[in-house]
């Protein structure tokens, strides 16, 4: 996979395919257990799970039920509505070029930009400098991104990269999508909404090249978000793509293994339907690994969603899984009579458990 991308000093980015041979083999093995590389799976997952996960990286913690309600009732909440409309756009348009990307950006940024940003935008990209602050300490200077005069040249390199040499296997397609993801956010061609645009562009590339299983990549970022920003910073500093690609491959590997558990459950409980909230809850529980109690889950859930009362969480998220026999409740805590241990029903996820031991 040839890399033609360059940094703002016109030096090529470093990338080593050989570094990822074993990791790619692991991912291909996991994919062999799944049957979700379909457009229908992609559409179901994009709305509303990936709207949540893409926004969550930006610190927007809308509950999945709220996102579903906004979509169903056609409410106008830009942070949700824009991604919904953006995903509809990339599903209907397969040409990625200067004009279509600007159209996508206009959709994603609608009603979110400040007057300064709007007044200093050119036909396609920003006309002025942009600074990205790597710290919450406001006394530290921001990192100045690519000079506006270089944007057209560097973005043209990106479009050339996107639209050539696409006869790739599914995992190389994912790797290429994440190089695209990094490169756009590194260039920062807009004043704001660069992150969501870069991740949506990566998803667009995956859809165009039918690598549907990999569209869940945003989900894994949220479990290790500090590392996400660290590898972006280091990849930019050293003009080296390897650390970012490695981070994204490891994250998506974890998420694909969890997809095997979801498939196990569906195969072994054909009489039940899993809602998107059920799937999200199972994903959270698998991410917590062991020593599950309702209190543990309440704390974990609150990292990614607006806080809800303890009793409401048990009623709305756990009890549906108890009724479907997907989780098994255990003993109550001696120190807290409202807290209770539980575990996922391991009889329903045998393939997942075997795979976890191998990988």
Protein backbone atom coordinates (compact mmCIF):
# COMPACT_ATOMS: atom_id res chain seq x y z
CA UNK A 1 0.00 0.00 0.00
CA UNK A 2 1.85 3.07 -1.27
CA UNK A 3 1.76 6.20 0.90
CA UNK A 4 1.95 9.47 -1.04
CA UNK A 5 1.00 11.72 1.87
CA UNK A 6 3.33 14.44 3.06
CA UNK A 7 3.60 16.76 6.03
CA UNK A 8 3.50 20.56 5.89
CA UNK A 9 7.25 20.59 5.18
CA UNK A 10 6.68 18.41 2.09
CA UNK A 11 8.34 15.36 3.68
CA UNK A 12 6.64 11.94 3.23
CA UNK A 13 5.01 10.27 6.20
CA UNK A 14 6.67 7.09 7.42
CA UNK A 15 4.68 3.86 7.31
CA UNK A 16 5.82 0.24 7.67
CA UNK A 17 3.42 -2.47 6.48
CA UNK A 18 5.62 -5.25 7.86
CA UNK A 19 5.02 -4.03 11.41
CA UNK A 20 1.36 -5.09 11.22
CA UNK A 21 1.55 -8.54 9.61
CA UNK A 22 0.72 -10.47 12.81
CA UNK A 23 -1.92 -8.04 13.96
CA UNK A 24 -3.59 -8.17 10.55
CA UNK A 25 -3.64 -11.98 10.76
CA UNK A 26 -5.35 -11.75 14.17
CA UNK A 27 -7.98 -9.41 12.78
CA UNK A 28 -8.63 -11.60 9.75
CA UNK A 29 -9.08 -14.56 12.09
CA UNK A 30 -11.64 -12.69 14.18
CA UNK A 31 -13.52 -11.58 11.06
CA UNK A 32 -13.84 -15.22 10.01
CA UNK A 33 -16.18 -15.78 12.99
CA UNK A 34 -18.48 -12.91 11.96
CA UNK A 35 -21.13 -12.50 9.28
CA UNK A 36 -21.68 -8.75 9.62
CA UNK A 37 -19.81 -7.44 6.58
CA UNK A 38 -23.05 -6.27 4.98
CA UNK A 39 -24.55 -2.92 4.12
CA UNK A 40 -27.61 -3.68 6.28
CA UNK A 41 -25.34 -4.19 9.30
CA UNK A 42 -23.60 -0.89 8.52
CA UNK A 43 -26.86 1.05 8.29
CA UNK A 44 -28.18 -0.44 11.52
CA UNK A 45 -24.96 0.35 13.37
CA UNK A 46 -24.46 3.86 12.02
CA UNK A 47 -27.86 4.95 13.30
CA UNK A 48 -27.68 5.56 16.29
CA UNK A 49 -24.72 3.76 17.87
CA UNK A 50 -22.06 5.42 15.74
CA UNK A 51 -23.66 8.83 16.08
CA UNK A 52 -23.20 8.42 19.81
CA UNK A 53 -19.65 7.10 19.57
CA UNK A 54 -18.44 9.73 17.09
CA UNK A 55 -19.85 12.53 19.24
CA UNK A 56 -18.67 10.95 22.48
CA UNK A 57 -15.05 11.38 21.39
CA UNK A 58 -15.78 15.12 21.44
CA UNK A 59 -17.15 14.87 24.98
CA UNK A 60 -20.84 14.88 23.96
CA UNK A 61 -22.49 12.25 26.17
CA UNK A 62 -26.02 12.00 24.82
CA UNK A 63 -27.76 8.81 25.89
CA UNK A 64 -28.53 6.39 23.09
CA UNK A 65 -32.24 6.59 23.87
CA UNK A 66 -32.13 10.38 23.46
CA UNK A 67 -30.35 10.10 20.11
CA UNK A 68 -32.96 7.60 18.91
CA UNK A 69 -35.74 9.94 20.03
CA UNK A 70 -34.22 12.94 18.23
CA UNK A 71 -34.00 10.91 15.00
CA UNK A 72 -37.46 9.41 15.34
CA UNK A 73 -39.23 12.70 16.08
CA UNK A 74 -37.04 14.77 13.71
CA UNK A 75 -36.00 17.19 16.42
CA UNK A 76 -33.28 19.71 15.64
CA UNK A 77 -30.20 19.24 17.79
CA UNK A 78 -27.19 20.08 15.58
CA UNK A 79 -24.69 17.77 17.28
CA UNK A 80 -27.00 14.81 16.60
CA UNK A 81 -28.93 15.96 13.52
CA UNK A 82 -25.78 16.93 11.65
CA UNK A 83 -24.17 13.50 12.04
CA UNK A 84 -27.44 11.81 11.09
CA UNK A 85 -27.63 13.91 7.93
CA UNK A 86 -23.92 13.42 7.30
CA UNK A 87 -24.25 9.65 7.48
CA UNK A 88 -27.22 9.75 5.11
CA UNK A 89 -25.08 11.78 2.71
CA UNK A 90 -22.13 9.38 2.67
CA UNK A 91 -24.44 6.41 2.21
CA UNK A 92 -25.92 7.99 -0.93
CA UNK A 93 -22.75 9.49 -2.43
CA UNK A 94 -19.68 7.44 -3.27
CA UNK A 95 -17.48 10.13 -4.87
CA UNK A 96 -14.93 11.60 -2.45
CA UNK A 97 -13.38 14.79 -3.81
CA UNK A 98 -12.89 18.43 -2.90
CA UNK A 99 -16.50 19.36 -3.63
CA UNK A 100 -18.17 16.39 -1.94
CA UNK A 101 -16.01 16.65 1.19
CA UNK A 102 -16.90 20.33 1.51
CA UNK A 103 -20.56 19.37 1.22
CA UNK A 104 -20.10 16.80 3.99
CA UNK A 105 -18.32 19.38 6.15
CA UNK A 106 -21.14 21.90 5.63
CA UNK A 107 -23.62 19.26 6.82
CA UNK A 108 -21.57 18.27 9.89
CA UNK A 109 -20.81 21.86 10.92
CA UNK A 110 -24.23 23.41 10.29
CA UNK A 111 -25.22 25.80 13.12
CA UNK A 112 -22.08 24.91 15.09
CA UNK A 113 -19.57 27.47 13.80
CA UNK A 114 -18.78 30.85 15.32
CA UNK A 115 -18.95 34.06 13.28
CA UNK A 116 -15.13 34.25 13.02
CA UNK A 117 -14.99 30.75 11.53
CA UNK A 118 -17.71 31.47 8.99
CA UNK A 119 -16.19 34.80 7.96
CA UNK A 120 -12.73 33.33 7.42
CA UNK A 121 -13.67 30.25 5.40
CA UNK A 122 -12.66 30.07 1.78
CA UNK A 123 -14.57 28.11 -0.87
CA UNK A 124 -13.23 24.83 0.50
CA UNK A 125 -10.92 25.37 3.50
CA UNK A 126 -10.05 27.91 6.17
CA UNK A 127 -8.25 31.10 5.16
CA UNK A 128 -6.53 31.65 8.49
CA UNK A 129 -4.44 29.97 11.15
CA UNK A 130 -5.89 27.43 13.56
CA UNK A 131 -4.43 26.31 16.89
CA UNK A 132 -5.17 23.05 18.64
CA UNK A 133 -4.72 23.12 22.40
CA UNK A 134 -3.23 19.91 23.76
CA UNK A 135 -3.95 20.82 27.37
CA UNK A 136 -6.71 22.32 29.49
CA UNK A 137 -4.11 24.72 30.93
CA UNK A 138 -4.93 27.91 29.01
CA UNK A 139 -1.49 29.42 29.65
CA UNK A 140 0.12 26.76 27.44
CA UNK A 141 0.35 27.73 23.76
CA UNK A 142 -1.71 25.87 21.22
CA UNK A 143 -0.23 23.78 18.43
CA UNK A 144 -0.45 25.70 15.16
CA UNK A 145 -1.65 23.44 12.40
CA UNK A 146 -0.85 23.56 8.68
CA UNK A 147 -0.55 27.03 7.17
CA UNK A 148 -3.67 27.87 5.18
CA UNK A 149 -1.62 28.50 2.04
CA UNK A 150 -0.56 24.81 1.98
CA UNK A 151 -3.99 23.29 2.47
CA UNK A 152 -5.00 22.96 -1.16
CA UNK A 153 -1.79 21.11 -2.11
CA UNK A 154 -1.91 18.74 0.88
CA UNK A 155 -5.62 18.05 0.51
CA UNK A 156 -5.13 17.24 -3.16
CA UNK A 157 -2.57 14.63 -2.08
CA UNK A 158 -5.22 13.20 0.23
CA UNK A 159 -7.83 12.96 -2.53
CA UNK A 160 -5.29 11.28 -4.80
CA UNK A 161 -4.51 8.79 -2.01
CA UNK A 162 -8.21 8.11 -1.39
CA UNK A 163 -9.02 7.49 -5.03
CA UNK A 164 -6.10 5.30 -6.13
CA UNK A 165 -4.83 1.78 -5.34
CA UNK A 166 -8.06 0.56 -3.73
CA UNK A 167 -7.83 -3.11 -4.67
CA UNK A 168 -7.16 -4.02 -1.04
CA UNK A 169 -8.29 -6.76 1.31
CA UNK A 170 -10.71 -5.76 4.05
CA UNK A 171 -8.13 -5.15 6.78
CA UNK A 172 -5.82 -3.13 4.53
CA UNK A 173 -8.91 -1.12 3.61
CA UNK A 174 -9.42 -0.41 7.29
CA UNK A 175 -5.78 0.62 7.69
CA UNK A 176 -6.09 2.98 4.75
CA UNK A 177 -9.27 4.48 6.23
CA UNK A 178 -7.41 5.25 9.45
CA UNK A 179 -4.49 6.84 7.63
CA UNK A 180 -7.12 9.05 5.96
CA UNK A 181 -8.64 9.70 9.40
CA UNK A 182 -5.31 10.78 10.87
CA UNK A 183 -4.22 12.83 7.88
CA UNK A 184 -7.32 15.01 7.77
CA UNK A 185 -7.32 15.72 11.50
CA UNK A 186 -3.57 16.41 11.28
CA UNK A 187 -4.01 18.96 8.49
CA UNK A 188 -7.01 20.54 10.23
CA UNK A 189 -8.41 22.15 7.07
CA UNK A 190 -11.27 23.81 8.98
CA UNK A 191 -11.50 25.98 12.07
CA UNK A 192 -13.77 23.53 13.90
CA UNK A 193 -15.47 20.13 13.58
CA UNK A 194 -12.30 18.60 12.11
CA UNK A 195 -12.44 15.51 14.35
CA UNK A 196 -15.97 14.48 13.45
CA UNK A 197 -15.26 15.22 9.80
CA UNK A 198 -12.11 13.09 9.76
CA UNK A 199 -13.82 10.13 11.42
CA UNK A 200 -16.83 10.43 9.12
CA UNK A 201 -14.54 10.59 6.09
CA UNK A 202 -12.87 7.36 7.27
CA UNK A 203 -16.30 5.76 7.58
CA UNK A 204 -17.19 7.02 4.11
CA UNK A 205 -14.11 5.30 2.70
CA UNK A 206 -15.03 2.04 4.47
CA UNK A 207 -18.57 2.17 3.08
CA UNK A 208 -17.35 2.88 -0.45
CA UNK A 209 -15.03 -0.12 -0.27
CA UNK A 210 -17.51 -2.46 1.44
CA UNK A 211 -15.45 -2.93 4.60
CA UNK A 212 -18.62 -2.77 6.68
CA UNK A 213 -17.40 -4.79 9.67
CA UNK A 214 -14.93 -2.06 10.55
CA UNK A 215 -17.33 0.88 10.85
CA UNK A 216 -17.37 0.37 14.64
CA UNK A 217 -13.89 1.89 15.03
CA UNK A 218 -15.14 5.00 16.90
CA UNK A 219 -16.41 2.83 19.73
CA UNK A 220 -12.98 1.63 20.80
CA UNK A 221 -11.53 5.15 20.91
CA UNK A 222 -13.85 6.09 23.74
CA UNK A 223 -12.46 3.39 26.02
CA UNK A 224 -8.95 4.82 25.63
CA UNK A 225 -9.47 8.42 24.53
CA UNK A 226 -6.39 9.97 26.17
CA UNK A 227 -4.21 7.60 24.15
CA UNK A 228 -6.05 8.64 20.96
CA UNK A 229 -4.99 12.25 21.33
CA UNK A 230 -1.50 11.23 22.38
CA UNK A 231 -0.86 9.11 19.28
CA UNK A 232 -2.26 11.83 17.00
CA UNK A 233 0.16 14.29 18.58
CA UNK A 234 3.14 11.93 18.29
CA UNK A 235 2.33 10.83 14.75
CA UNK A 236 2.18 14.47 13.75
CA UNK A 237 5.39 15.35 15.60
CA UNK A 238 7.45 12.57 14.02
CA UNK A 239 5.59 12.34 10.66
CA UNK A 240 5.14 8.65 11.41
CA UNK A 241 1.84 6.86 10.83
CA UNK A 242 2.75 3.62 12.61
CA UNK A 243 1.73 4.51 16.15
CA UNK A 244 -1.70 5.79 15.08
CA UNK A 245 -2.37 2.76 12.86
CA UNK A 246 -1.26 0.42 15.65
CA UNK A 247 -3.55 2.14 18.17
CA UNK A 248 -6.56 1.92 15.85
CA UNK A 249 -5.90 -1.74 14.96
CA UNK A 250 -5.65 -2.78 18.62
CA UNK A 251 -8.81 -0.86 19.52
CA UNK A 252 -10.87 -2.27 16.69
CA UNK A 253 -9.61 -5.78 17.47
CA UNK A 254 -11.16 -5.53 20.94
CA UNK A 255 -14.43 -4.29 19.48
CA UNK A 256 -14.60 -7.03 16.84
CA UNK A 257 -14.10 -9.69 19.52
CA UNK A 258 -17.10 -8.21 21.35
CA UNK A 259 -19.05 -8.47 18.10
CA UNK A 260 -18.35 -12.22 18.22
CA UNK A 261 -20.07 -12.28 21.63
CA UNK A 262 -23.10 -10.47 20.19
CA UNK A 263 -23.25 -13.01 17.35
CA UNK A 264 -22.96 -15.86 19.88
CA UNK A 265 -25.93 -14.51 21.82
CA UNK A 266 -28.04 -14.09 18.69
CA UNK A 267 -27.16 -17.61 17.52
CA UNK A 268 -27.93 -19.18 20.90
CA UNK A 269 -31.04 -17.14 21.74
CA UNK A 270 -32.88 -17.01 18.44
CA UNK A 271 -36.16 -16.31 20.20
CA UNK A 272 -35.12 -12.85 21.45
CA UNK A 273 -34.52 -9.47 19.84
CA UNK A 274 -31.63 -7.32 20.96
CA UNK A 275 -32.27 -3.59 20.97
CA UNK A 276 -29.46 -1.13 20.29
CA UNK A 277 -29.48 -0.32 24.01
CA UNK A 278 -29.13 -4.05 24.81
CA UNK A 279 -26.15 -4.25 22.46
CA UNK A 280 -24.56 -1.18 24.01
CA UNK A 281 -25.07 -2.60 27.51
CA UNK A 282 -23.52 -5.95 26.58
CA UNK A 283 -20.58 -4.10 25.04
CA UNK A 284 -20.07 -2.15 28.26
CA UNK A 285 -20.22 -5.33 30.36
CA UNK A 286 -17.67 -7.07 28.16
CA UNK A 287 -15.45 -4.01 28.44
CA UNK A 288 -15.55 -4.24 32.24
CA UNK A 289 -14.16 -7.79 32.13
CA UNK A 290 -15.02 -9.23 35.59
CA UNK A 291 -16.07 -8.47 39.18
CA UNK A 292 -19.35 -7.06 37.95
CA UNK A 293 -21.71 -5.45 40.39
CA UNK A 294 -24.56 -3.07 39.71
CA UNK A 295 -22.53 -0.31 41.38
CA UNK A 296 -19.53 -1.03 39.13
CA UNK A 297 -21.73 -0.89 36.07
CA UNK A 298 -23.38 2.33 37.24
CA UNK A 299 -19.97 3.99 37.54
CA UNK A 300 -18.78 2.64 34.18
CA UNK A 301 -21.98 3.69 32.40
CA UNK A 302 -21.66 7.21 33.82
CA UNK A 303 -18.31 7.66 32.06
CA UNK A 304 -20.04 7.63 28.68
CA UNK A 305 -23.58 8.85 29.36
CA UNK A 306 -25.48 11.37 31.41
CA UNK A 307 -25.80 10.05 34.94
CA UNK A 308 -29.03 8.30 35.80
CA UNK A 309 -30.28 7.07 39.20
CA UNK A 310 -29.07 3.67 40.36
CA UNK A 311 -32.57 2.14 40.39
CA UNK A 312 -33.41 3.49 36.93
CA UNK A 313 -30.21 2.02 35.48
CA UNK A 314 -31.07 -1.40 36.90
CA UNK A 315 -34.66 -1.20 35.66
CA UNK A 316 -33.98 0.09 32.14
CA UNK A 317 -30.67 -1.52 31.25
CA UNK A 318 -30.12 -4.65 33.34
CA UNK A 319 -33.61 -6.04 33.91
CA UNK A 320 -34.28 -6.50 30.16
CA UNK A 321 -31.10 -8.61 29.98
CA UNK A 322 -32.15 -10.57 33.08
CA UNK A 323 -35.53 -11.28 31.50
CA UNK A 324 -33.79 -12.52 28.34
CA UNK A 325 -31.46 -14.69 30.49
CA UNK A 326 -28.40 -12.91 29.12
CA UNK A 327 -27.09 -12.04 32.57
CA UNK A 328 -27.26 -14.02 35.79
CA UNK A 329 -27.66 -12.25 39.10
CA UNK A 330 -25.58 -13.26 42.13
CA UNK A 331 -25.35 -12.42 45.81
CA UNK A 332 -26.05 -9.04 47.37
CA UNK A 333 -23.30 -6.93 48.87
CA UNK A 334 -23.09 -7.13 52.66
CA UNK A 335 -22.12 -3.47 52.88
CA UNK A 336 -24.76 -2.25 50.44
CA UNK A 337 -28.05 -4.20 50.30
CA UNK A 338 -29.01 -2.43 47.06
CA UNK A 339 -25.89 -3.62 45.27
CA UNK A 340 -25.68 -7.05 43.69
CA UNK A 341 -23.12 -9.11 41.81
CA UNK A 342 -23.94 -10.46 38.36
CA UNK A 343 -22.29 -12.04 35.34
CA UNK A 344 -22.94 -12.52 31.65
CA UNK A 345 -24.40 -15.95 30.93
CA UNK A 346 -21.26 -17.67 29.62
CA UNK A 347 -23.28 -20.55 28.17
CA UNK A 348 -24.41 -18.10 25.49
CA UNK A 349 -20.95 -16.87 24.42
CA UNK A 350 -18.76 -19.98 23.93
CA UNK A 351 -17.08 -18.81 20.70
CA UNK A 352 -16.24 -15.46 22.25
CA UNK A 353 -14.69 -17.12 25.31
CA UNK A 354 -12.59 -19.49 23.19
CA UNK A 355 -11.45 -16.65 20.96
CA UNK A 356 -10.47 -14.51 23.95
CA UNK A 357 -8.12 -17.28 25.10
CA UNK A 358 -6.43 -17.48 21.69
CA UNK A 359 -6.01 -13.79 20.89
